[in-house]
């Protein structure tokens, strides 16, 4: 999994999220920040776990969980804009990474889906 481009980009997304969260107010440290961190880490964790599975069905399952976690991060960052914790510009920058990882996860999922004959 470590050689997969999607894993490398997802890891870069996690790092970007962690850096962004440093500017959140202290009162969010154990609330929204923790939730965003857990969801972000879940992306890379599920890619790694999925790629360690032998069956394609299991691989797809974990890729789908990684995608869902990424959407959770996206949603929570949008809420962060509304709360004034991040700017629209900061969100747009990280959204580019989210979109790239999302496309790659979709391609990876398609690779392991059963093919109709």
PDB file of N, CA and C in Angstrom:
ATOM      1  N   UNK A   1       0.807  -1.203   0.000  1.00  0.00           N
ATOM      2  CA  UNK A   1       0.000   0.000   0.000  1.00  0.00           C
ATOM      3  C   UNK A   1       0.855   1.275   0.000  1.00  0.00           C
ATOM      4  N   UNK A   2       2.058   1.184   0.585  1.00  0.00           N
ATOM      5  CA  UNK A   2       2.904   2.375   0.706  1.00  0.00           C
ATOM      6  C   UNK A   2       3.364   2.929  -0.635  1.00  0.00           C
ATOM      7  N   UNK A   3       3.363   2.090  -1.644  1.00  0.00           N
ATOM      8  CA  UNK A   3       3.788   2.538  -2.971  1.00  0.00           C
ATOM      9  C   UNK A   3       2.637   3.133  -3.782  1.00  0.00           C
ATOM     10  N   UNK A   4       1.417   2.980  -3.314  1.00  0.00           N
ATOM     11  CA  UNK A   4       0.258   3.508  -4.040  1.00  0.00           C
ATOM     12  C   UNK A   4       0.237   5.033  -3.979  1.00  0.00           C
ATOM     13  N   UNK A   5       0.027   5.632  -5.116  1.00  0.00           N
ATOM     14  CA  UNK A   5      -0.078   7.089  -5.190  1.00  0.00           C
ATOM     15  C   UNK A   5      -1.199   7.610  -4.302  1.00  0.00           C
ATOM     16  N   UNK A   6      -2.322   6.895  -4.287  1.00  0.00           N
ATOM     17  CA  UNK A   6      -3.460   7.336  -3.490  1.00  0.00           C
ATOM     18  C   UNK A   6      -3.111   7.342  -2.000  1.00  0.00           C
ATOM     19  N   UNK A   7      -2.323   6.395  -1.563  1.00  0.00           N
ATOM     20  CA  UNK A   7      -1.905   6.366  -0.160  1.00  0.00           C
ATOM     21  C   UNK A   7      -1.008   7.568   0.141  1.00  0.00           C
ATOM     22  N   UNK A   8      -0.063   7.830  -0.754  1.00  0.00           N
ATOM     23  CA  UNK A   8       0.852   8.960  -0.554  1.00  0.00           C
ATOM     24  C   UNK A   8       0.095  10.286  -0.514  1.00  0.00           C
ATOM     25  N   UNK A   9      -0.862  10.450  -1.421  1.00  0.00           N
ATOM     26  CA  UNK A   9      -1.636  11.697  -1.447  1.00  0.00           C
ATOM     27  C   UNK A   9      -2.579  11.795  -0.245  1.00  0.00           C
ATOM     28  N   UNK A  10      -3.125  10.667   0.179  1.00  0.00           N
ATOM     29  CA  UNK A  10      -3.993  10.668   1.355  1.00  0.00           C
ATOM     30  C   UNK A  10      -3.184  11.032   2.597  1.00  0.00           C
ATOM     31  N   UNK A  11      -1.960  10.550   2.661  1.00  0.00           N
ATOM     32  CA  UNK A  11      -1.084  10.885   3.789  1.00  0.00           C
ATOM     33  C   UNK A  11      -0.761  12.388   3.777  1.00  0.00           C
ATOM     34  N   UNK A  12      -0.522  12.945   2.615  1.00  0.00           N
ATOM     35  CA  UNK A  12      -0.282  14.387   2.498  1.00  0.00           C
ATOM     36  C   UNK A  12      -1.532  15.170   2.925  1.00  0.00           C
ATOM     37  N   UNK A  13      -2.701  14.639   2.613  1.00  0.00           N
ATOM     38  CA  UNK A  13      -3.952  15.270   3.030  1.00  0.00           C
ATOM     39  C   UNK A  13      -4.054  15.274   4.560  1.00  0.00           C
ATOM     40  N   UNK A  14      -3.709  14.171   5.195  1.00  0.00           N
ATOM     41  CA  UNK A  14      -3.736  14.084   6.663  1.00  0.00           C
ATOM     42  C   UNK A  14      -2.823  15.155   7.267  1.00  0.00           C
ATOM     43  N   UNK A  15      -1.641  15.287   6.725  1.00  0.00           N
ATOM     44  CA  UNK A  15      -0.684  16.272   7.235  1.00  0.00           C
ATOM     45  C   UNK A  15      -1.233  17.691   7.053  1.00  0.00           C
ATOM     46  N   UNK A  16      -1.832  17.957   5.892  1.00  0.00           N
ATOM     47  CA  UNK A  16      -2.419  19.283   5.641  1.00  0.00           C
ATOM     48  C   UNK A  16      -3.553  19.566   6.624  1.00  0.00           C
ATOM     49  N   UNK A  17      -4.360  18.569   6.908  1.00  0.00           N
ATOM     50  CA  UNK A  17      -5.463  18.723   7.855  1.00  0.00           C
ATOM     51  C   UNK A  17      -4.913  19.029   9.246  1.00  0.00           C
ATOM     52  N   UNK A  18      -3.915  18.279   9.677  1.00  0.00           N
ATOM     53  CA  UNK A  18      -3.316  18.511  10.997  1.00  0.00           C
ATOM     54  C   UNK A  18      -2.773  19.929  11.117  1.00  0.00           C
ATOM     55  N   UNK A  19      -2.115  20.410  10.076  1.00  0.00           N
ATOM     56  CA  UNK A  19      -1.575  21.772  10.103  1.00  0.00           C
ATOM     57  C   UNK A  19      -2.695  22.801  10.178  1.00  0.00           C
ATOM     58  N   UNK A  20      -3.751  22.560   9.431  1.00  0.00           N
ATOM     59  CA  UNK A  20      -4.887  23.478   9.427  1.00  0.00           C
ATOM     60  C   UNK A  20      -5.554  23.529  10.799  1.00  0.00           C
ATOM     61  N   UNK A  21      -5.647  22.403  11.470  1.00  0.00           N
ATOM     62  CA  UNK A  21      -6.331  22.336  12.761  1.00  0.00           C
ATOM     63  C   UNK A  21      -5.609  23.094  13.861  1.00  0.00           C
ATOM     64  N   UNK A  22      -4.340  23.394  13.657  1.00  0.00           N
ATOM     65  CA  UNK A  22      -3.576  24.140  14.667  1.00  0.00           C
ATOM     66  C   UNK A  22      -4.138  25.538  14.910  1.00  0.00           C
ATOM     67  N   UNK A  23      -4.884  26.066  13.946  1.00  0.00           N
ATOM     68  CA  UNK A  23      -5.421  27.416  14.091  1.00  0.00           C
ATOM     69  C   UNK A  23      -6.819  27.434  14.714  1.00  0.00           C
ATOM     70  N   UNK A  24      -7.396  26.274  14.973  1.00  0.00           N
ATOM     71  CA  UNK A  24      -8.727  26.221  15.577  1.00  0.00           C
ATOM     72  C   UNK A  24      -8.661  26.689  17.029  1.00  0.00           C
ATOM     73  N   UNK A  25      -9.777  27.195  17.535  1.00  0.00           N
ATOM     74  CA  UNK A  25      -9.769  27.634  18.932  1.00  0.00           C
ATOM     75  C   UNK A  25      -9.578  26.461  19.894  1.00  0.00           C
ATOM     76  N   UNK A  26      -9.031  26.759  21.052  1.00  0.00           N
ATOM     77  CA  UNK A  26      -8.732  25.736  22.062  1.00  0.00           C
ATOM     78  C   UNK A  26      -9.975  24.930  22.427  1.00  0.00           C
ATOM     79  N   UNK A  27     -11.127  25.579  22.493  1.00  0.00           N
ATOM     80  CA  UNK A  27     -12.341  24.858  22.900  1.00  0.00           C
ATOM     81  C   UNK A  27     -12.770  23.786  21.902  1.00  0.00           C
ATOM     82  N   UNK A  28     -12.232  23.816  20.681  1.00  0.00           N
ATOM     83  CA  UNK A  28     -12.552  22.795  19.683  1.00  0.00           C
ATOM     84  C   UNK A  28     -11.538  21.652  19.664  1.00  0.00           C
ATOM     85  N   UNK A  29     -10.489  21.765  20.453  1.00  0.00           N
ATOM     86  CA  UNK A  29      -9.423  20.762  20.438  1.00  0.00           C
ATOM     87  C   UNK A  29      -9.946  19.344  20.665  1.00  0.00           C
ATOM     88  N   UNK A  30     -10.903  19.187  21.575  1.00  0.00           N
ATOM     89  CA  UNK A  30     -11.407  17.856  21.904  1.00  0.00           C
ATOM     90  C   UNK A  30     -12.790  17.596  21.328  1.00  0.00           C
ATOM     91  N   UNK A  31     -13.226  18.454  20.459  1.00  0.00           N
ATOM     92  CA  UNK A  31     -14.532  18.281  19.839  1.00  0.00           C
ATOM     93  C   UNK A  31     -14.351  18.120  18.327  1.00  0.00           C
ATOM     94  N   UNK A  32     -14.572  19.180  17.601  1.00  0.00           N
ATOM     95  CA  UNK A  32     -14.500  19.122  16.140  1.00  0.00           C
ATOM     96  C   UNK A  32     -13.111  18.703  15.653  1.00  0.00           C
ATOM     97  N   UNK A  33     -12.058  19.223  16.264  1.00  0.00           N
ATOM     98  CA  UNK A  33     -10.692  18.875  15.838  1.00  0.00           C
ATOM     99  C   UNK A  33     -10.434  17.380  15.955  1.00  0.00           C
ATOM    100  N   UNK A  34     -10.827  16.799  17.075  1.00  0.00           N
ATOM    101  CA  UNK A  34     -10.631  15.351  17.249  1.00  0.00           C
ATOM    102  C   UNK A  34     -11.395  14.568  16.192  1.00  0.00           C
ATOM    103  N   UNK A  35     -12.612  14.989  15.916  1.00  0.00           N
ATOM    104  CA  UNK A  35     -13.433  14.286  14.927  1.00  0.00           C
ATOM    105  C   UNK A  35     -12.800  14.374  13.538  1.00  0.00           C
ATOM    106  N   UNK A  36     -12.311  15.547  13.178  1.00  0.00           N
ATOM    107  CA  UNK A  36     -11.674  15.721  11.870  1.00  0.00           C
ATOM    108  C   UNK A  36     -10.395  14.886  11.798  1.00  0.00           C
ATOM    109  N   UNK A  37      -9.606  14.913  12.861  1.00  0.00           N
ATOM    110  CA  UNK A  37      -8.365  14.123  12.887  1.00  0.00           C
ATOM    111  C   UNK A  37      -8.652  12.636  12.724  1.00  0.00           C
ATOM    112  N   UNK A  38      -9.622  12.140  13.477  1.00  0.00           N
ATOM    113  CA  UNK A  38      -9.955  10.706  13.387  1.00  0.00           C
ATOM    114  C   UNK A  38     -10.399  10.329  11.979  1.00  0.00           C
ATOM    115  N   UNK A  39     -11.226  11.169  11.377  1.00  0.00           N
ATOM    116  CA  UNK A  39     -11.706  10.884  10.023  1.00  0.00           C
ATOM    117  C   UNK A  39     -10.553  10.926   9.017  1.00  0.00           C
ATOM    118  N   UNK A  40      -9.665  11.898   9.161  1.00  0.00           N
ATOM    119  CA  UNK A  40      -8.528  12.016   8.234  1.00  0.00           C
ATOM    120  C   UNK A  40      -7.604  10.804   8.346  1.00  0.00           C
ATOM    121  N   UNK A  41      -7.279  10.420   9.565  1.00  0.00           N
ATOM    122  CA  UNK A  41      -6.412   9.253   9.786  1.00  0.00           C
ATOM    123  C   UNK A  41      -7.067   7.986   9.259  1.00  0.00           C
ATOM    124  N   UNK A  42      -8.381   7.931   9.349  1.00  0.00           N
ATOM    125  CA  UNK A  42      -9.121   6.765   8.877  1.00  0.00           C
ATOM    126  C   UNK A  42      -8.943   6.535   7.372  1.00  0.00           C
ATOM    127  N   UNK A  43      -8.713   7.595   6.636  1.00  0.00           N
ATOM    128  CA  UNK A  43      -8.529   7.451   5.180  1.00  0.00           C
ATOM    129  C   UNK A  43      -7.312   6.571   4.905  1.00  0.00           C
ATOM    130  N   UNK A  44      -6.170   6.964   5.441  1.00  0.00           N
ATOM    131  CA  UNK A  44      -4.941   6.191   5.189  1.00  0.00           C
ATOM    132  C   UNK A  44      -5.003   4.819   5.851  1.00  0.00           C
ATOM    133  N   UNK A  45      -5.577   4.754   7.035  1.00  0.00           N
ATOM    134  CA  UNK A  45      -5.662   3.472   7.746  1.00  0.00           C
ATOM    135  C   UNK A  45      -6.477   2.455   6.959  1.00  0.00           C
ATOM    136  N   UNK A  46      -7.577   2.902   6.375  1.00  0.00           N
ATOM    137  CA  UNK A  46      -8.425   1.978   5.623  1.00  0.00           C
ATOM    138  C   UNK A  46      -7.835   1.602   4.270  1.00  0.00           C
ATOM    139  N   UNK A  47      -7.071   2.492   3.675  1.00  0.00           N
ATOM    140  CA  UNK A  47      -6.345   2.112   2.450  1.00  0.00           C
ATOM    141  C   UNK A  47      -5.356   0.999   2.800  1.00  0.00           C
ATOM    142  N   UNK A  48      -4.593   1.197   3.856  1.00  0.00           N
ATOM    143  CA  UNK A  48      -3.608   0.203   4.270  1.00  0.00           C
ATOM    144  C   UNK A  48      -4.276  -1.131   4.616  1.00  0.00           C
ATOM    145  N   UNK A  49      -5.337  -1.066   5.401  1.00  0.00           N
ATOM    146  CA  UNK A  49      -6.002  -2.302   5.795  1.00  0.00           C
ATOM    147  C   UNK A  49      -6.628  -3.002   4.597  1.00  0.00           C
ATOM    148  N   UNK A  50      -7.251  -2.239   3.729  1.00  0.00           N
ATOM    149  CA  UNK A  50      -7.880  -2.834   2.548  1.00  0.00           C
ATOM    150  C   UNK A  50      -6.884  -3.521   1.631  1.00  0.00           C
ATOM    151  N   UNK A  51      -5.744  -2.891   1.427  1.00  0.00           N
ATOM    152  CA  UNK A  51      -4.751  -3.476   0.526  1.00  0.00           C
ATOM    153  C   UNK A  51      -4.082  -4.713   1.133  1.00  0.00           C
ATOM    154  N   UNK A  52      -4.235  -4.904   2.442  1.00  0.00           N
ATOM    155  CA  UNK A  52      -3.666  -6.095   3.073  1.00  0.00           C
ATOM    156  C   UNK A  52      -4.613  -7.293   2.987  1.00  0.00           C
ATOM    157  N   UNK A  53      -5.835  -7.057   2.547  1.00  0.00           N
ATOM    158  CA  UNK A  53      -6.827  -8.134   2.444  1.00  0.00           C
ATOM    159  C   UNK A  53      -6.609  -8.932   1.172  1.00  0.00           C
ATOM    160  N   UNK A  54      -6.981 -10.200   1.237  1.00  0.00           N
ATOM    161  CA  UNK A  54      -6.784 -11.071   0.083  1.00  0.00           C
ATOM    162  C   UNK A  54      -7.944 -11.035  -0.895  1.00  0.00           C
ATOM    163  N   UNK A  55      -9.149 -10.878  -0.398  1.00  0.00           N
ATOM    164  CA  UNK A  55     -10.283 -10.899  -1.322  1.00  0.00           C
ATOM    165  C   UNK A  55     -10.556  -9.494  -1.870  1.00  0.00           C
ATOM    166  N   UNK A  56     -10.951  -9.461  -3.125  1.00  0.00           N
ATOM    167  CA  UNK A  56     -11.281  -8.185  -3.757  1.00  0.00           C
ATOM    168  C   UNK A  56     -12.485  -7.534  -3.073  1.00  0.00           C
ATOM    169  N   UNK A  57     -13.428  -8.344  -2.623  1.00  0.00           N
ATOM    170  CA  UNK A  57     -14.610  -7.815  -1.936  1.00  0.00           C
ATOM    171  C   UNK A  57     -14.204  -7.053  -0.675  1.00  0.00           C
ATOM    172  N   UNK A  58     -13.268  -7.602   0.080  1.00  0.00           N
ATOM    173  CA  UNK A  58     -12.786  -6.922   1.284  1.00  0.00           C
ATOM    174  C   UNK A  58     -12.006  -5.658   0.929  1.00  0.00           C
ATOM    175  N   UNK A  59     -11.195  -5.733  -0.116  1.00  0.00           N
ATOM    176  CA  UNK A  59     -10.457  -4.546  -0.562  1.00  0.00           C
ATOM    177  C   UNK A  59     -11.427  -3.409  -0.866  1.00  0.00           C
ATOM    178  N   UNK A  60     -12.465  -3.709  -1.633  1.00  0.00           N
ATOM    179  CA  UNK A  60     -13.472  -2.712  -2.011  1.00  0.00           C
ATOM    180  C   UNK A  60     -14.137  -2.137  -0.767  1.00  0.00           C
ATOM    181  N   UNK A  61     -14.453  -3.004   0.182  1.00  0.00           N
ATOM    182  CA  UNK A  61     -15.106  -2.559   1.419  1.00  0.00           C
ATOM    183  C   UNK A  61     -14.262  -1.497   2.136  1.00  0.00           C
ATOM    184  N   UNK A  62     -12.974  -1.741   2.295  1.00  0.00           N
ATOM    185  CA  UNK A  62     -12.120  -0.788   2.999  1.00  0.00           C
ATOM    186  C   UNK A  62     -11.847   0.468   2.181  1.00  0.00           C
ATOM    187  N   UNK A  63     -11.789   0.332   0.868  1.00  0.00           N
ATOM    188  CA  UNK A  63     -11.645   1.514   0.009  1.00  0.00           C
ATOM    189  C   UNK A  63     -12.884   2.401   0.166  1.00  0.00           C
ATOM    190  N   UNK A  64     -14.055   1.780   0.240  1.00  0.00           N
ATOM    191  CA  UNK A  64     -15.291   2.540   0.430  1.00  0.00           C
ATOM    192  C   UNK A  64     -15.313   3.238   1.787  1.00  0.00           C
ATOM    193  N   UNK A  65     -14.809   2.592   2.808  1.00  0.00           N
ATOM    194  CA  UNK A  65     -14.733   3.226   4.129  1.00  0.00           C
ATOM    195  C   UNK A  65     -13.773   4.423   4.070  1.00  0.00           C
ATOM    196  N   UNK A  66     -12.641   4.252   3.390  1.00  0.00           N
ATOM    197  CA  UNK A  66     -11.684   5.359   3.241  1.00  0.00           C
ATOM    198  C   UNK A  66     -12.354   6.542   2.546  1.00  0.00           C
ATOM    199  N   UNK A  67     -13.128   6.258   1.511  1.00  0.00           N
ATOM    200  CA  UNK A  67     -13.821   7.323   0.779  1.00  0.00           C
ATOM    201  C   UNK A  67     -14.835   8.028   1.685  1.00  0.00           C
ATOM    202  N   UNK A  68     -15.575   7.247   2.449  1.00  0.00           N
ATOM    203  CA  UNK A  68     -16.567   7.828   3.359  1.00  0.00           C
ATOM    204  C   UNK A  68     -15.897   8.707   4.414  1.00  0.00           C
ATOM    205  N   UNK A  69     -14.765   8.277   4.918  1.00  0.00           N
ATOM    206  CA  UNK A  69     -14.025   9.083   5.897  1.00  0.00           C
ATOM    207  C   UNK A  69     -13.557  10.385   5.277  1.00  0.00           C
ATOM    208  N   UNK A  70     -13.145  10.322   4.030  1.00  0.00           N
ATOM    209  CA  UNK A  70     -12.708  11.526   3.337  1.00  0.00           C
ATOM    210  C   UNK A  70     -13.874  12.505   3.170  1.00  0.00           C
ATOM    211  N   UNK A  71     -15.052  11.993   2.879  1.00  0.00           N
ATOM    212  CA  UNK A  71     -16.232  12.846   2.753  1.00  0.00           C
ATOM    213  C   UNK A  71     -16.608  13.453   4.112  1.00  0.00           C
ATOM    214  N   UNK A  72     -16.366  12.695   5.172  1.00  0.00           N
ATOM    215  CA  UNK A  72     -16.597  13.216   6.521  1.00  0.00           C
ATOM    216  C   UNK A  72     -15.678  14.408   6.788  1.00  0.00           C
ATOM    217  N   UNK A  73     -14.413  14.275   6.421  1.00  0.00           N
ATOM    218  CA  UNK A  73     -13.466  15.387   6.577  1.00  0.00           C
ATOM    219  C   UNK A  73     -13.947  16.595   5.782  1.00  0.00           C
ATOM    220  N   UNK A  74     -14.357  16.370   4.558  1.00  0.00           N
ATOM    221  CA  UNK A  74     -14.831  17.461   3.702  1.00  0.00           C
ATOM    222  C   UNK A  74     -16.012  18.183   4.351  1.00  0.00           C
ATOM    223  N   UNK A  75     -16.965  17.427   4.832  1.00  0.00           N
ATOM    224  CA  UNK A  75     -18.145  18.000   5.476  1.00  0.00           C
ATOM    225  C   UNK A  75     -17.777  18.826   6.702  1.00  0.00           C
ATOM    226  N   UNK A  76     -16.883  18.296   7.512  1.00  0.00           N
ATOM    227  CA  UNK A  76     -16.498  18.991   8.738  1.00  0.00           C
ATOM    228  C   UNK A  76     -15.686  20.247   8.443  1.00  0.00           C
ATOM    229  N   UNK A  77     -14.926  20.225   7.369  1.00  0.00           N
ATOM    230  CA  UNK A  77     -14.194  21.433   6.980  1.00  0.00           C
ATOM    231  C   UNK A  77     -15.146  22.508   6.454  1.00  0.00           C
ATOM    232  N   UNK A  78     -16.204  22.088   5.770  1.00  0.00           N
ATOM    233  CA  UNK A  78     -17.214  23.059   5.331  1.00  0.00           C
ATOM    234  C   UNK A  78     -17.878  23.722   6.535  1.00  0.00           C
ATOM    235  N   UNK A  79     -18.176  22.932   7.552  1.00  0.00           N
ATOM    236  CA  UNK A  79     -18.750  23.471   8.786  1.00  0.00           C
ATOM    237  C   UNK A  79     -17.763  24.438   9.442  1.00  0.00           C
ATOM    238  N   UNK A  80     -16.482  24.101   9.347  1.00  0.00           N
ATOM    239  CA  UNK A  80     -15.442  24.956   9.916  1.00  0.00           C
ATOM    240  C   UNK A  80     -15.424  26.337   9.269  1.00  0.00           C
ATOM    241  N   UNK A  81     -15.740  26.410   7.984  1.00  0.00           N
ATOM    242  CA  UNK A  81     -15.844  27.710   7.302  1.00  0.00           C
ATOM    243  C   UNK A  81     -16.986  28.505   7.933  1.00  0.00           C
ATOM    244  N   UNK A  82     -18.139  27.848   8.074  1.00  0.00           N
ATOM    245  CA  UNK A  82     -19.316  28.510   8.635  1.00  0.00           C
ATOM    246  C   UNK A  82     -19.070  29.017  10.051  1.00  0.00           C
ATOM    247  N   UNK A  83     -18.244  28.291  10.799  1.00  0.00           N
ATOM    248  CA  UNK A  83     -17.932  28.683  12.172  1.00  0.00           C
ATOM    249  C   UNK A  83     -16.818  29.729  12.238  1.00  0.00           C
ATOM    250  N   UNK A  84     -16.195  30.021  11.086  1.00  0.00           N
ATOM    251  CA  UNK A  84     -15.141  31.021  11.038  1.00  0.00           C
ATOM    252  C   UNK A  84     -13.778  30.507  11.484  1.00  0.00           C
ATOM    253  N   UNK A  85     -13.606  29.180  11.526  1.00  0.00           N
ATOM    254  CA  UNK A  85     -12.336  28.598  11.960  1.00  0.00           C
ATOM    255  C   UNK A  85     -11.312  28.558  10.826  1.00  0.00           C
ATOM    256  N   UNK A  86     -11.798  28.425   9.592  1.00  0.00           N
ATOM    257  CA  UNK A  86     -10.923  28.463   8.420  1.00  0.00           C
ATOM    258  C   UNK A  86     -11.568  29.366   7.371  1.00  0.00           C
ATOM    259  N   UNK A  87     -10.747  29.818   6.440  1.00  0.00           N
ATOM    260  CA  UNK A  87     -11.263  30.674   5.372  1.00  0.00           C
ATOM    261  C   UNK A  87     -11.708  29.828   4.185  1.00  0.00           C
ATOM    262  N   UNK A  88     -12.491  30.433   3.330  1.00  0.00           N
ATOM    263  CA  UNK A  88     -12.920  29.779   2.093  1.00  0.00           C
ATOM    264  C   UNK A  88     -11.691  29.394   1.262  1.00  0.00           C
ATOM    265  N   UNK A  89     -10.688  30.259   1.246  1.00  0.00           N
ATOM    266  CA  UNK A  89      -9.473  29.995   0.469  1.00  0.00           C
ATOM    267  C   UNK A  89      -8.721  28.771   1.020  1.00  0.00           C
ATOM    268  N   UNK A  90      -8.648  28.661   2.338  1.00  0.00           N
ATOM    269  CA  UNK A  90      -7.990  27.494   2.934  1.00  0.00           C
ATOM    270  C   UNK A  90      -8.749  26.220   2.578  1.00  0.00           C
ATOM    271  N   UNK A  91     -10.059  26.317   2.617  1.00  0.00           N
ATOM    272  CA  UNK A  91     -10.875  25.149   2.262  1.00  0.00           C
ATOM    273  C   UNK A  91     -10.665  24.754   0.797  1.00  0.00           C
ATOM    274  N   UNK A  92     -10.648  25.733  -0.078  1.00  0.00           N
ATOM    275  CA  UNK A  92     -10.479  25.451  -1.510  1.00  0.00           C
ATOM    276  C   UNK A  92      -9.157  24.725  -1.759  1.00  0.00           C
ATOM    277  N   UNK A  93      -8.104  25.133  -1.068  1.00  0.00           N
ATOM    278  CA  UNK A  93      -6.792  24.476  -1.231  1.00  0.00           C
ATOM    279  C   UNK A  93      -6.846  23.009  -0.801  1.00  0.00           C
ATOM    280  N   UNK A  94      -7.454  22.750   0.337  1.00  0.00           N
ATOM    281  CA  UNK A  94      -7.506  21.378   0.827  1.00  0.00           C
ATOM    282  C   UNK A  94      -8.521  20.557   0.033  1.00  0.00           C
ATOM    283  N   UNK A  95      -9.534  21.232  -0.492  1.00  0.00           N
ATOM    284  CA  UNK A  95     -10.537  20.548  -1.312  1.00  0.00           C
ATOM    285  C   UNK A  95      -9.900  19.962  -2.578  1.00  0.00           C
ATOM    286  N   UNK A  96      -8.892  20.635  -3.099  1.00  0.00           N
ATOM    287  CA  UNK A  96      -8.176  20.103  -4.268  1.00  0.00           C
ATOM    288  C   UNK A  96      -7.562  18.750  -3.939  1.00  0.00           C
ATOM    289  N   UNK A  97      -6.967  18.647  -2.763  1.00  0.00           N
ATOM    290  CA  UNK A  97      -6.388  17.374  -2.329  1.00  0.00           C
ATOM    291  C   UNK A  97      -7.484  16.327  -2.126  1.00  0.00           C
ATOM    292  N   UNK A  98      -8.574  16.727  -1.518  1.00  0.00           N
ATOM    293  CA  UNK A  98      -9.693  15.807  -1.288  1.00  0.00           C
ATOM    294  C   UNK A  98     -10.208  15.270  -2.620  1.00  0.00           C
ATOM    295  N   UNK A  99     -10.389  16.150  -3.591  1.00  0.00           N
ATOM    296  CA  UNK A  99     -10.892  15.717  -4.899  1.00  0.00           C
ATOM    297  C   UNK A  99      -9.928  14.756  -5.588  1.00  0.00           C
ATOM    298  N   UNK A 100      -8.639  15.020  -5.488  1.00  0.00           N
ATOM    299  CA  UNK A 100      -7.644  14.151  -6.102  1.00  0.00           C
ATOM    300  C   UNK A 100      -7.651  12.763  -5.450  1.00  0.00           C
ATOM    301  N   UNK A 101      -7.655  12.744  -4.133  1.00  0.00           N
ATOM    302  CA  UNK A 101      -7.695  11.456  -3.419  1.00  0.00           C
ATOM    303  C   UNK A 101      -8.994  10.731  -3.745  1.00  0.00           C
ATOM    304  N   UNK A 102     -10.092  11.453  -3.809  1.00  0.00           N
ATOM    305  CA  UNK A 102     -11.388  10.847  -4.133  1.00  0.00           C
ATOM    306  C   UNK A 102     -11.397  10.179  -5.497  1.00  0.00           C
ATOM    307  N   UNK A 103     -10.839  10.850  -6.484  1.00  0.00           N
ATOM    308  CA  UNK A 103     -10.765  10.252  -7.833  1.00  0.00           C
ATOM    309  C   UNK A 103      -9.931   8.974  -7.810  1.00  0.00           C
ATOM    310  N   UNK A 104      -8.818   9.020  -7.100  1.00  0.00           N
ATOM    311  CA  UNK A 104      -7.943   7.852  -7.040  1.00  0.00           C
ATOM    312  C   UNK A 104      -8.586   6.695  -6.274  1.00  0.00           C
ATOM    313  N   UNK A 105      -9.296   7.006  -5.209  1.00  0.00           N
ATOM    314  CA  UNK A 105     -10.000   5.949  -4.477  1.00  0.00           C
ATOM    315  C   UNK A 105     -11.073   5.316  -5.358  1.00  0.00           C
ATOM    316  N   UNK A 106     -11.769   6.129  -6.130  1.00  0.00           N
ATOM    317  CA  UNK A 106     -12.794   5.604  -7.040  1.00  0.00           C
ATOM    318  C   UNK A 106     -12.179   4.685  -8.087  1.00  0.00           C
ATOM    319  N   UNK A 107     -11.019   5.076  -8.622  1.00  0.00           N
ATOM    320  CA  UNK A 107     -10.327   4.239  -9.606  1.00  0.00           C
ATOM    321  C   UNK A 107      -9.844   2.932  -8.977  1.00  0.00           C
ATOM    322  N   UNK A 108      -9.321   3.026  -7.778  1.00  0.00           N
ATOM    323  CA  UNK A 108      -8.837   1.834  -7.076  1.00  0.00           C
ATOM    324  C   UNK A 108      -9.998   0.893  -6.787  1.00  0.00           C
ATOM    325  N   UNK A 109     -11.115   1.443  -6.374  1.00  0.00           N
ATOM    326  CA  UNK A 109     -12.311   0.635  -6.109  1.00  0.00           C
ATOM    327  C   UNK A 109     -12.741  -0.087  -7.382  1.00  0.00           C
ATOM    328  N   UNK A 110     -12.777   0.625  -8.506  1.00  0.00           N
ATOM    329  CA  UNK A 110     -13.196   0.035  -9.783  1.00  0.00           C
ATOM    330  C   UNK A 110     -12.280  -1.120 -10.189  1.00  0.00           C
ATOM    331  N   UNK A 111     -11.010  -0.996  -9.853  1.00  0.00           N
ATOM    332  CA  UNK A 111     -10.032  -2.042 -10.184  1.00  0.00           C
ATOM    333  C   UNK A 111     -10.388  -3.373  -9.525  1.00  0.00           C
ATOM    334  N   UNK A 112     -10.965  -3.321  -8.332  1.00  0.00           N
ATOM    335  CA  UNK A 112     -11.243  -4.536  -7.568  1.00  0.00           C
ATOM    336  C   UNK A 112     -12.704  -4.972  -7.620  1.00  0.00           C
ATOM    337  N   UNK A 113     -13.543  -4.214  -8.308  1.00  0.00           N
ATOM    338  CA  UNK A 113     -14.937  -4.630  -8.454  1.00  0.00           C
ATOM    339  C   UNK A 113     -15.039  -5.798  -9.440  1.00  0.00           C
ATOM    340  N   UNK A 114     -15.956  -6.714  -9.193  1.00  0.00           N
ATOM    341  CA  UNK A 114     -16.127  -7.838 -10.149  1.00  0.00           C
ATOM    342  C   UNK A 114     -16.508  -7.292 -11.531  1.00  0.00           C
ATOM    343  N   UNK A 115     -15.889  -7.851 -12.531  1.00  0.00           N
ATOM    344  CA  UNK A 115     -16.152  -7.429 -13.906  1.00  0.00           C
ATOM    345  C   UNK A 115     -17.244  -8.297 -14.508  1.00  0.00           C
ATOM    346  N   UNK A 116     -18.229  -7.674 -15.152  1.00  0.00           N
ATOM    347  CA  UNK A 116     -19.287  -8.422 -15.843  1.00  0.00           C
ATOM    348  C   UNK A 116     -18.701  -9.012 -17.115  1.00  0.00           C
ATOM    349  N   UNK A 117     -19.079 -10.220 -17.381  1.00  0.00           N
ATOM    350  CA  UNK A 117     -18.554 -10.888 -18.587  1.00  0.00           C
ATOM    351  C   UNK A 117     -19.623 -11.053 -19.610  1.00  0.00           C
TER     352      UNK A 117
END
